[in-house]
Amino acid sequence: MIEANIDPWTGEVRPFPKMAPADIEAALAASAAAFPAWSALSLDERAAHLRRIAATLRTRREDLALTMTAEMGKLRREALAEIEKSASACEYYADNAARYLQEQAIGTEAARSYVRYEPIGCVLAIMPWNFPVWQVFRFLAPGLMAGNVALLKHATNVPACADAIAEVLAEAGLPAGVFGVLHINNQQAAGVIGDPRVQAVTLTGSERAGRSVAATAGSHLKKCVLELGGSDPFIVLDDADLEKTVPVAVASRFGNAGQTCIAAKRFIVTPGIADRFVRAFCEAAGQLQVGDPNDGATTLAPMARADLRDELHRQVMASVAQGARVLLGGQPGQGDTSYPATILDAVAPGMLAWDEELFGPVASILRVADEAEAVRVANATRFGLGASVWTTDAHRGERLARRIQAGACFVNSLVKSDVRLPFGGTKASGFGRELAEHGIHEFTNIKTVYVA
C-alpha cells in the first residue's frame, strides 16, 4: 500500500509505504516484549532516558523542523518552537515524575494502607498532523516515565515526522520495542485497539474520530483519553486593554494557520468596545503575509491539505450566504493550500460560523449585549475545550471564567498547553487529561494496598 504525502506549499508528492499485517504483528510483539524490562527500571533510570531524548531533539531540531514544514506546512519558527517545547516536556517529567508517582499513605484505622501508581502496558496513540511532534511527546513523556510502552499511529500526511521521532528515540538509546510506529489506516487501527497486547488508547483529533475510537475502545473495555475539537470563545469586555488584547487575538486565531484545537475561534464582543476591537483586529490581521513557510518573512502558513482549505472555504461561503459579512480575506490562494486571514462579522445562530468549528485562519465576530450574554453565548456550543476573557479587572475576568464550560479558561492570556497544567476538555471536546500530574496518572493502575 502506498500513501501519497503532498507538500502544502510546493505541491511535491512523496509516496510513502504502509505496513503489511506482518509488520503490524511484529510491532505489537516487540512492544509486549519490551514492557517487562522497561517497567522494571527505576524512575531515575527512566529519567536518564528522557533527558537523553530531550538532548537529541535539540540536536536534531533543524532536520525535524524541515520535515514538519514539508509535510504539513508549519512555519519554520513555529516548528522549532514545537521541538523545544517537546524537549522541555521530557525534562519536566524526568524532574517531576518521582513526586507525581510516589506512594500515597492513607490512614485507615490501625491498618497500613497506601496507593500505588503502576504502569499498565502498551498505550496506542492516535495523533494528529497539526502539531506532529508536540502532540506525540505530550502523551509520550509522561507515559514513558510511568513505565508504559507506546505505539504511535500518526496522521497519514505526516509519516516522515513519525519516523523521525522514532529515529530520535533510537538515537537517544531508548530500548527497542518501547516505542513503535504503525503506518496504518483507520480500519487497521481499530484492530490494534482490540488487540489484547494494547491496554489503552489516547486520541487527539476530530469529534468524529473521537466517537469512533471511544466506541471501539469501549467494546474492548480499554481505557481511552480523547482530546477533540474546540470552538473556543475569546470574550472581549468593554474595559479590555486593546493594546494587549489585539496582538493576542491575532496570535491565537492565526498561529499555525488557525489549525489549533485551542485557537480562539469565536470573538465575543460587548457594545462599548466592539467596533474599536474589530477595526484594530482587522488592521492587525491584514498585516499577515502568506508565503513559503521556510521564509522568515512569512507570517501566515499555508493550510496542511487542499481538502481542509476547501472545506473551510465552504463553511465561509455558507455563512456569508446566511448573512455573515466578510471584513477581511475570504478567498483561497492559487496553486497552493493557503487561505488568507479572514474575519467574518455579524455571525449569528444558525450560521456554520456560529455552530461549527472553523479549523483554519477564519475568525467569527459575535456581538452581544453585555457580559451575561457573553457567557451564555460562550457556553452555547457543544464543545468545551478552552476559553479566554479579556478585561482590565482581573477579579471580573476570574468571576466570568468560573462560569464558562471549558477544560481551561485563561484571563488576559493566550490559551495554551503548558506541561505544568492539566490539559483537556469537556462536552464534545472529549474527556481525560494530559500533562501535569493528572496526565501521568491517566494511564496507570491506581492500586490500593491494605496491610492489616
Protein backbone atom coordinates (compact mmCIF):
# COMPACT_ATOMS: atom_id res chain seq x y z
CA MET A 1 0.00 0.00 0.00
CA ILE A 2 1.26 3.49 -0.84
CA GLU A 3 0.16 6.72 0.84
CA ALA A 4 0.90 9.93 -1.05
CA ASN A 5 2.12 12.87 1.01
CA ILE A 6 1.86 16.31 -0.61
CA ASP A 7 3.91 19.35 0.39
CA PRO A 8 1.30 22.07 1.10
CA TRP A 9 3.40 24.86 -0.37
CA THR A 10 5.29 23.29 -3.28
CA GLY A 11 2.83 20.55 -4.19
CA GLU A 12 5.63 17.97 -4.28
CA VAL A 13 4.21 14.45 -3.96
CA ARG A 14 6.15 11.93 -1.89
CA PRO A 15 4.91 8.32 -1.93
CA PHE A 16 5.12 6.58 1.40
CA PRO A 17 4.83 2.82 2.11
CA LYS A 18 2.21 1.50 4.51
CA MET A 19 2.66 -1.51 6.79
CA ALA A 20 1.66 -5.04 5.93
CA PRO A 21 -0.13 -7.21 8.53
CA ALA A 22 3.12 -8.98 9.36
CA ASP A 23 4.76 -5.64 10.16
CA ILE A 24 1.90 -4.69 12.49
CA GLU A 25 2.20 -8.00 14.29
CA ALA A 26 5.94 -7.51 14.67
CA ALA A 27 5.44 -4.08 16.22
CA LEU A 28 2.85 -5.41 18.68
CA ALA A 29 5.10 -8.31 19.63
CA ALA A 30 8.10 -6.01 20.13
CA SER A 31 6.05 -3.72 22.34
CA ALA A 32 4.81 -6.59 24.50
CA ALA A 33 8.33 -7.99 24.81
CA ALA A 34 9.78 -4.61 25.84
CA PHE A 35 7.29 -3.81 28.60
CA PRO A 36 8.56 -6.06 31.43
CA ALA A 37 12.11 -4.72 31.34
CA TRP A 38 11.10 -1.09 30.79
CA SER A 39 8.54 -1.10 33.61
CA ALA A 40 11.12 -2.69 35.92
CA LEU A 41 13.56 0.22 35.53
CA SER A 42 13.81 2.69 38.38
CA LEU A 43 12.41 6.18 37.92
CA ASP A 44 15.97 7.52 37.88
CA GLU A 45 16.84 5.19 35.02
CA ARG A 46 13.77 6.20 33.02
CA ALA A 47 14.50 9.86 33.74
CA ALA A 48 18.00 9.47 32.31
CA HIS A 49 16.45 8.17 29.08
CA LEU A 50 14.08 11.16 28.94
CA ARG A 51 16.92 13.62 29.38
CA ARG A 52 18.87 11.99 26.54
CA ILE A 53 15.78 12.20 24.36
CA ALA A 54 15.47 15.92 25.13
CA ALA A 55 19.10 16.49 24.18
CA THR A 56 18.69 14.54 20.94
CA LEU A 57 15.58 16.51 20.00
CA ARG A 58 17.59 19.71 20.30
CA THR A 59 20.48 18.27 18.31
CA ARG A 60 18.10 17.19 15.53
CA ARG A 61 15.88 20.29 15.62
CA GLU A 62 16.86 21.68 12.21
CA ASP A 63 16.13 18.45 10.35
CA LEU A 64 12.92 17.89 12.32
CA ALA A 65 11.71 21.40 11.53
CA LEU A 66 12.32 20.88 7.82
CA THR A 67 10.33 17.65 7.91
CA MET A 68 7.41 19.26 9.73
CA THR A 69 7.31 22.18 7.29
CA ALA A 70 7.47 19.92 4.23
CA GLU A 71 4.72 17.60 5.45
CA MET A 72 2.13 19.95 6.96
CA GLY A 73 3.26 23.48 6.09
CA LYS A 74 4.15 24.75 9.56
CA LEU A 75 6.15 27.97 9.74
CA ARG A 76 9.79 27.12 10.39
CA ARG A 77 9.96 29.22 13.57
CA GLU A 78 6.79 27.54 14.85
CA ALA A 79 8.32 24.13 14.13
CA LEU A 80 11.50 24.99 16.04
CA ALA A 81 9.45 26.23 19.00
CA GLU A 82 7.43 23.00 18.96
CA ILE A 83 10.59 20.89 19.14
CA GLU A 84 11.92 22.89 22.08
CA LYS A 85 8.57 22.53 23.86
CA SER A 86 8.73 18.76 23.36
CA ALA A 87 12.27 18.60 24.75
CA SER A 88 11.21 20.66 27.75
CA ALA A 89 8.32 18.27 28.42
CA CYS A 90 10.76 15.35 28.56
CA GLU A 91 12.85 17.22 31.09
CA TYR A 92 9.81 18.26 33.10
CA TYR A 93 8.65 14.68 33.61
CA ALA A 94 12.20 13.49 34.23
CA ASP A 95 12.33 16.06 37.05
CA ASN A 96 8.83 15.63 38.48
CA ALA A 97 7.61 12.07 37.84
CA ALA A 98 9.01 10.73 41.12
CA ARG A 99 6.90 13.25 43.02
CA TYR A 100 3.79 12.53 40.97
CA LEU A 101 4.15 8.75 41.23
CA GLN A 102 5.19 8.43 44.86
CA GLU A 103 3.10 6.15 47.03
CA GLN A 104 0.42 7.97 49.00
CA ALA A 105 -0.24 6.81 52.54
CA ILE A 106 -3.85 6.71 53.70
CA GLY A 107 -4.85 6.37 57.34
CA THR A 108 -7.40 3.55 57.80
CA GLU A 109 -7.98 2.50 61.40
CA ALA A 110 -4.96 0.55 62.68
CA ALA A 111 -4.05 -0.86 59.28
CA ARG A 112 -1.36 0.42 56.94
CA SER A 113 -2.70 1.35 53.55
CA TYR A 114 -1.40 3.28 50.61
CA VAL A 115 -1.97 3.99 46.91
CA ARG A 116 0.49 3.00 44.20
CA TYR A 117 0.63 4.18 40.59
CA GLU A 118 1.67 1.24 38.44
CA PRO A 119 2.21 1.08 34.66
CA ILE A 120 -0.45 -0.72 32.63
CA GLY A 121 1.44 -1.79 29.50
CA CYS A 122 1.17 -0.61 25.90
CA VAL A 123 -0.67 2.64 25.11
CA LEU A 124 -1.71 3.23 21.49
CA ALA A 125 -1.58 6.90 20.50
CA ILE A 126 -3.58 8.13 17.50
CA MET A 127 -2.17 11.57 16.85
CA PRO A 128 -3.00 14.49 14.51
CA TRP A 129 -0.93 16.37 11.99
CA ASN A 130 -1.25 19.93 13.31
CA PHE A 131 1.45 19.57 15.99
CA PRO A 132 3.19 16.46 14.71
CA VAL A 133 5.98 16.44 17.32
CA TRP A 134 4.45 18.12 20.37
CA GLN A 135 1.26 16.07 20.33
CA VAL A 136 3.34 12.90 20.44
CA PHE A 137 5.57 13.97 23.31
CA ARG A 138 2.58 15.33 25.21
CA PHE A 139 1.49 11.73 25.77
CA LEU A 140 4.87 10.03 25.42
CA ALA A 141 6.92 11.82 28.07
CA PRO A 142 4.54 11.08 30.97
CA GLY A 143 3.73 7.63 29.58
CA LEU A 144 7.34 6.53 29.45
CA MET A 145 8.09 7.90 32.90
CA ALA A 146 5.07 5.99 34.27
CA GLY A 147 6.66 2.79 32.94
CA ASN A 148 4.41 2.23 29.93
CA VAL A 149 5.44 1.45 26.37
CA ALA A 150 3.86 3.08 23.34
CA LEU A 151 2.76 2.60 19.76
CA LEU A 152 2.07 5.59 17.52
CA LYS A 153 -0.42 5.76 14.67
CA HIS A 154 0.28 9.21 13.29
CA ALA A 155 -1.84 11.15 10.82
CA THR A 156 -1.33 9.88 7.26
CA ASN A 157 0.01 13.23 6.00
CA VAL A 158 2.92 13.31 8.48
CA PRO A 159 4.51 9.84 8.16
CA ALA A 160 8.07 11.16 7.98
CA CYS A 161 7.50 13.06 11.23
CA ALA A 162 6.51 9.79 12.89
CA ASP A 163 9.63 8.04 11.61
CA ALA A 164 11.82 11.00 12.59
CA ILE A 165 10.54 10.77 16.16
CA ALA A 166 11.35 7.06 16.20
CA GLU A 167 14.85 7.85 14.94
CA VAL A 168 15.34 10.44 17.71
CA LEU A 169 14.32 7.92 20.37
CA ALA A 170 16.57 5.21 18.95
CA GLU A 171 19.50 7.62 18.68
CA ALA A 172 18.93 8.60 22.31
CA GLY A 173 19.26 4.95 23.33
CA LEU A 174 15.65 4.07 24.11
CA PRO A 175 15.42 0.24 24.20
CA ALA A 176 13.92 -1.45 21.16
CA GLY A 177 10.16 -2.01 21.38
CA VAL A 178 9.50 0.69 24.00
CA PHE A 179 8.24 2.95 21.19
CA GLY A 180 6.99 1.84 17.79
CA VAL A 181 5.41 3.48 14.75
CA LEU A 182 2.42 2.00 12.94
CA HIS A 183 1.80 3.28 9.39
CA ILE A 184 -1.77 2.00 9.25
CA ASN A 185 -5.25 3.11 8.23
CA ASN A 186 -8.26 3.59 10.49
CA GLN A 187 -9.60 0.08 9.97
CA GLN A 188 -6.25 -1.40 10.94
CA ALA A 189 -6.10 0.92 13.94
CA ALA A 190 -9.41 -0.47 15.19
CA GLY A 191 -7.86 -3.92 15.09
CA VAL A 192 -4.86 -2.72 17.09
CA ILE A 193 -7.13 -1.16 19.74
CA GLY A 194 -8.80 -4.55 20.15
CA ASP A 195 -5.53 -6.46 20.41
CA PRO A 196 -5.06 -7.81 23.96
CA ARG A 197 -1.45 -6.56 24.00
CA VAL A 198 -2.74 -2.97 23.90
CA GLN A 199 -4.10 -1.74 27.22
CA ALA A 200 -5.31 1.78 26.41
CA VAL A 201 -5.62 4.35 23.65
CA THR A 202 -5.21 8.12 23.52
CA LEU A 203 -6.53 10.20 20.64
CA THR A 204 -6.15 13.82 19.66
CA GLY A 205 -8.33 14.56 16.67
CA SER A 206 -11.79 15.34 15.40
CA GLU A 207 -15.09 14.77 17.18
CA ARG A 208 -15.97 12.10 14.60
CA ALA A 209 -12.69 10.27 15.20
CA GLY A 210 -13.23 10.50 18.94
CA ARG A 211 -16.66 8.89 18.74
CA SER A 212 -15.26 6.05 16.63
CA VAL A 213 -12.24 5.38 18.86
CA ALA A 214 -14.32 5.62 22.05
CA ALA A 215 -16.82 3.10 20.66
CA THR A 216 -14.07 0.67 19.67
CA ALA A 217 -12.18 1.07 22.93
CA GLY A 218 -15.38 0.68 24.93
CA SER A 219 -16.32 -2.51 23.14
CA HIS A 220 -12.97 -3.97 24.23
CA LEU A 221 -13.08 -2.42 27.73
CA LYS A 222 -9.99 -0.32 27.04
CA LYS A 223 -9.28 2.96 28.81
CA CYS A 224 -9.15 5.98 26.48
CA VAL A 225 -8.35 9.67 26.67
CA LEU A 226 -9.85 11.92 24.00
CA GLU A 227 -8.82 15.47 23.12
CA LEU A 228 -11.16 16.56 20.35
CA GLY A 229 -12.32 19.73 18.65
CA GLY A 230 -12.98 23.14 20.08
CA SER A 231 -14.84 26.32 19.24
CA ASP A 232 -13.10 28.45 21.81
CA PRO A 233 -14.64 31.77 22.85
CA PHE A 234 -12.47 34.89 23.16
CA ILE A 235 -14.56 37.30 25.23
CA VAL A 236 -13.65 40.98 24.95
CA LEU A 237 -15.34 43.06 27.67
CA ASP A 238 -15.85 46.81 27.47
CA ASP A 239 -12.88 47.57 29.72
CA ALA A 240 -10.33 45.42 27.87
CA ASP A 241 -6.92 46.92 27.04
CA LEU A 242 -6.87 46.68 23.25
CA GLU A 243 -3.11 47.22 23.01
CA LYS A 244 -2.67 43.94 24.87
CA THR A 245 -5.77 42.14 23.62
CA VAL A 246 -5.49 42.56 19.84
CA PRO A 247 -1.98 41.08 19.35
CA VAL A 248 -3.00 38.02 21.36
CA ALA A 249 -6.25 37.76 19.38
CA VAL A 250 -4.21 37.62 16.16
CA ALA A 251 -1.73 35.10 17.56
CA SER A 252 -4.49 32.92 18.99
CA ARG A 253 -6.58 32.80 15.82
CA PHE A 254 -3.93 32.74 13.10
CA GLY A 255 -0.99 30.90 14.66
CA ASN A 256 -0.33 27.54 12.98
CA ALA A 257 -2.59 28.82 10.17
CA GLY A 258 -5.52 28.65 12.59
CA GLN A 259 -5.22 24.86 12.74
CA THR A 260 -5.24 24.52 16.50
CA CYS A 261 -7.92 22.94 18.70
CA ILE A 262 -7.45 25.61 21.39
CA ALA A 263 -7.24 28.54 18.99
CA ALA A 264 -9.69 31.36 19.63
CA LYS A 265 -12.44 30.92 17.07
CA ARG A 266 -15.45 32.90 18.31
CA PHE A 267 -14.67 36.51 19.25
CA ILE A 268 -17.48 37.59 21.55
CA VAL A 269 -17.52 41.37 21.93
CA THR A 270 -19.61 43.71 24.08
CA PRO A 271 -21.02 47.02 22.74
CA GLY A 272 -18.69 49.52 24.38
CA ILE A 273 -15.62 48.08 22.67
CA ALA A 274 -16.91 46.02 19.73
CA ASP A 275 -16.29 48.47 16.89
CA ARG A 276 -12.86 49.52 18.17
CA PHE A 277 -11.78 45.92 18.68
CA VAL A 278 -12.98 44.80 15.25
CA ARG A 279 -11.20 47.69 13.49
CA ALA A 280 -7.94 47.02 15.31
CA PHE A 281 -8.25 43.25 14.82
CA CYS A 282 -8.81 43.63 11.07
CA GLU A 283 -5.90 46.03 10.75
CA ALA A 284 -3.50 43.72 12.59
CA ALA A 285 -4.66 40.54 10.85
CA GLY A 286 -4.41 42.29 7.50
CA GLN A 287 -0.66 42.61 8.00
CA LEU A 288 -0.16 38.84 7.99
CA GLN A 289 1.77 37.58 4.97
CA VAL A 290 1.04 34.23 3.32
CA GLY A 291 4.09 32.60 1.77
CA ASP A 292 6.76 29.95 1.86
CA PRO A 293 6.77 28.57 5.44
CA ASN A 294 10.58 28.31 5.30
CA ASP A 295 10.84 32.04 4.59
CA GLY A 296 11.32 34.11 7.75
CA ALA A 297 9.18 36.90 6.28
CA THR A 298 6.11 34.64 6.09
CA THR A 299 3.72 35.17 8.99
CA LEU A 300 0.76 33.01 7.91
CA ALA A 301 1.47 29.42 6.91
CA PRO A 302 -0.45 27.51 4.24
CA MET A 303 -3.05 25.06 5.44
CA ALA A 304 -1.96 21.44 5.74
CA ARG A 305 -4.05 19.99 2.89
CA ALA A 306 -6.12 21.21 -0.03
CA ASP A 307 -9.24 19.37 1.16
CA LEU A 308 -9.05 21.16 4.53
CA ARG A 309 -8.78 24.53 2.79
CA ASP A 310 -11.70 23.71 0.53
CA GLU A 311 -13.88 22.65 3.46
CA LEU A 312 -13.03 25.85 5.33
CA HIS A 313 -13.95 27.94 2.30
CA ARG A 314 -17.24 26.07 2.02
CA GLN A 315 -18.04 26.99 5.63
CA VAL A 316 -17.16 30.63 4.98
CA MET A 317 -19.29 30.88 1.85
CA ALA A 318 -22.22 29.14 3.51
CA SER A 319 -22.03 31.59 6.43
CA VAL A 320 -21.93 34.54 4.05
CA ALA A 321 -25.00 33.18 2.26
CA GLN A 322 -26.66 33.02 5.68
CA GLY A 323 -25.91 36.70 6.38
CA ALA A 324 -22.35 36.96 7.71
CA ARG A 325 -20.19 39.80 6.34
CA VAL A 326 -16.59 39.35 5.18
CA LEU A 327 -14.46 42.12 6.65
CA LEU A 328 -11.12 40.64 5.59
CA GLY A 329 -9.93 37.84 3.30
CA GLY A 330 -12.34 35.14 2.24
CA GLN A 331 -10.69 33.92 -0.95
CA PRO A 332 -8.34 30.89 -1.12
CA GLY A 333 -4.89 31.10 -2.65
CA GLN A 334 -3.98 29.79 -6.06
CA GLY A 335 -1.57 26.91 -6.66
CA ASP A 336 -1.04 26.01 -3.01
CA THR A 337 -3.13 25.31 0.08
CA SER A 338 -3.01 28.80 1.58
CA TYR A 339 -6.03 30.67 2.88
CA PRO A 340 -5.80 34.35 3.83
CA ALA A 341 -6.52 35.73 7.26
CA THR A 342 -10.32 36.05 7.20
CA ILE A 343 -12.68 37.85 9.57
CA LEU A 344 -16.46 37.40 9.48
CA ASP A 345 -18.76 39.90 11.21
CA ALA A 346 -22.48 39.70 12.03
CA VAL A 347 -22.19 35.98 12.80
CA ALA A 348 -25.46 34.73 14.29
CA PRO A 349 -27.06 31.46 15.47
CA GLY A 350 -27.81 29.03 12.66
CA MET A 351 -24.76 30.02 10.61
CA LEU A 352 -21.98 27.47 10.12
CA ALA A 353 -19.51 30.01 11.51
CA TRP A 354 -21.55 30.02 14.73
CA ASP A 355 -22.39 26.33 15.01
CA GLU A 356 -19.27 24.55 13.69
CA GLU A 357 -15.56 24.57 14.40
CA LEU A 358 -13.68 26.51 11.71
CA PHE A 359 -10.30 24.80 11.63
CA GLY A 360 -8.26 27.37 9.76
CA PRO A 361 -7.46 31.10 9.65
CA VAL A 362 -11.03 32.40 9.95
CA ALA A 363 -12.31 34.46 12.90
CA SER A 364 -16.01 34.90 13.71
CA ILE A 365 -17.22 38.11 15.37
CA LEU A 366 -20.21 37.55 17.68
CA ARG A 367 -21.71 40.77 19.06
CA VAL A 368 -23.56 40.55 22.39
CA ALA A 369 -25.43 42.98 24.63
CA ASP A 370 -23.50 42.54 27.89
CA GLU A 371 -21.28 40.20 29.89
CA ALA A 372 -24.18 37.98 30.90
CA GLU A 373 -24.98 37.31 27.26
CA ALA A 374 -21.27 36.87 26.57
CA VAL A 375 -21.15 33.95 29.00
CA ARG A 376 -24.37 32.48 27.63
CA VAL A 377 -23.06 32.65 24.05
CA ALA A 378 -19.66 31.28 25.09
CA ASN A 379 -21.41 28.23 26.53
CA ALA A 380 -23.83 27.85 23.60
CA THR A 381 -21.68 25.25 21.84
CA ARG A 382 -21.35 21.50 22.04
CA PHE A 383 -17.60 21.98 22.56
CA GLY A 384 -15.77 22.86 25.75
CA LEU A 385 -12.01 22.91 25.31
CA GLY A 386 -10.56 26.36 26.04
CA ALA A 387 -11.70 29.95 26.53
CA SER A 388 -10.31 33.35 27.39
CA VAL A 389 -11.69 36.55 28.93
CA TRP A 390 -10.20 39.99 28.37
CA THR A 391 -10.73 42.80 30.89
CA THR A 392 -8.64 45.19 32.98
CA ASP A 393 -10.48 43.94 36.06
CA ALA A 394 -8.87 40.58 36.87
CA HIS A 395 -11.48 39.76 39.52
CA ARG A 396 -14.25 40.34 36.98
CA GLY A 397 -12.45 38.12 34.48
CA GLU A 398 -12.00 35.34 37.01
CA ARG A 399 -15.67 35.53 38.00
CA LEU A 400 -16.67 35.01 34.36
CA ALA A 401 -14.04 32.30 33.88
CA ARG A 402 -15.67 30.21 36.61
CA ARG A 403 -18.96 30.30 34.67
CA ILE A 404 -17.59 29.17 31.31
CA GLN A 405 -17.94 25.47 30.46
CA ALA A 406 -14.47 24.52 29.28
CA GLY A 407 -11.46 22.46 30.29
CA ALA A 408 -9.46 25.67 30.70
CA CYS A 409 -10.22 29.37 30.84
CA PHE A 410 -7.45 31.96 30.71
CA VAL A 411 -7.94 35.54 31.88
CA ASN A 412 -5.93 38.12 29.90
CA SER A 413 -3.68 35.44 28.42
CA LEU A 414 -3.34 33.26 25.34
CA VAL A 415 -4.93 29.83 25.81
CA LYS A 416 -2.08 27.34 25.56
CA SER A 417 -0.98 23.88 26.58
CA ASP A 418 1.57 24.09 29.38
CA VAL A 419 3.25 20.94 30.68
CA ARG A 420 2.66 22.16 34.26
CA LEU A 421 -1.12 22.44 33.78
CA PRO A 422 -3.70 19.69 33.11
CA PHE A 423 -5.00 19.84 29.54
CA GLY A 424 -8.27 18.53 28.13
CA GLY A 425 -11.90 19.35 27.52
CA THR A 426 -15.48 18.72 28.45
CA LYS A 427 -18.68 18.10 26.47
CA ALA A 428 -17.90 17.13 22.85
CA SER A 429 -14.29 18.24 23.28
CA GLY A 430 -13.53 14.91 24.94
CA PHE A 431 -12.56 13.57 28.32
CA GLY A 432 -9.49 12.71 30.33
CA ARG A 433 -6.45 14.89 30.89
CA GLU A 434 -2.94 15.18 29.54
CA LEU A 435 0.07 16.94 31.10
CA ALA A 436 0.87 17.87 34.70
CA GLU A 437 0.25 15.33 37.46
CA HIS A 438 -3.17 14.43 36.05
CA GLY A 439 -1.68 13.37 32.71
CA ILE A 440 0.82 10.93 34.16
CA HIS A 441 -1.90 9.29 36.26
CA GLU A 442 -4.30 8.71 33.33
CA PHE A 443 -2.56 5.56 32.14
CA THR A 444 -1.60 3.99 35.44
CA ASN A 445 -3.23 1.38 37.60
CA ILE A 446 -4.18 3.36 40.71
CA LYS A 447 -3.71 0.49 43.10
CA THR A 448 -4.70 0.26 46.75
CA VAL A 449 -2.52 -1.79 49.08
CA TYR A 450 -4.05 -2.55 52.51
CA VAL A 451 -1.96 -4.27 55.17
CA ALA A 452 -3.86 -5.31 58.34
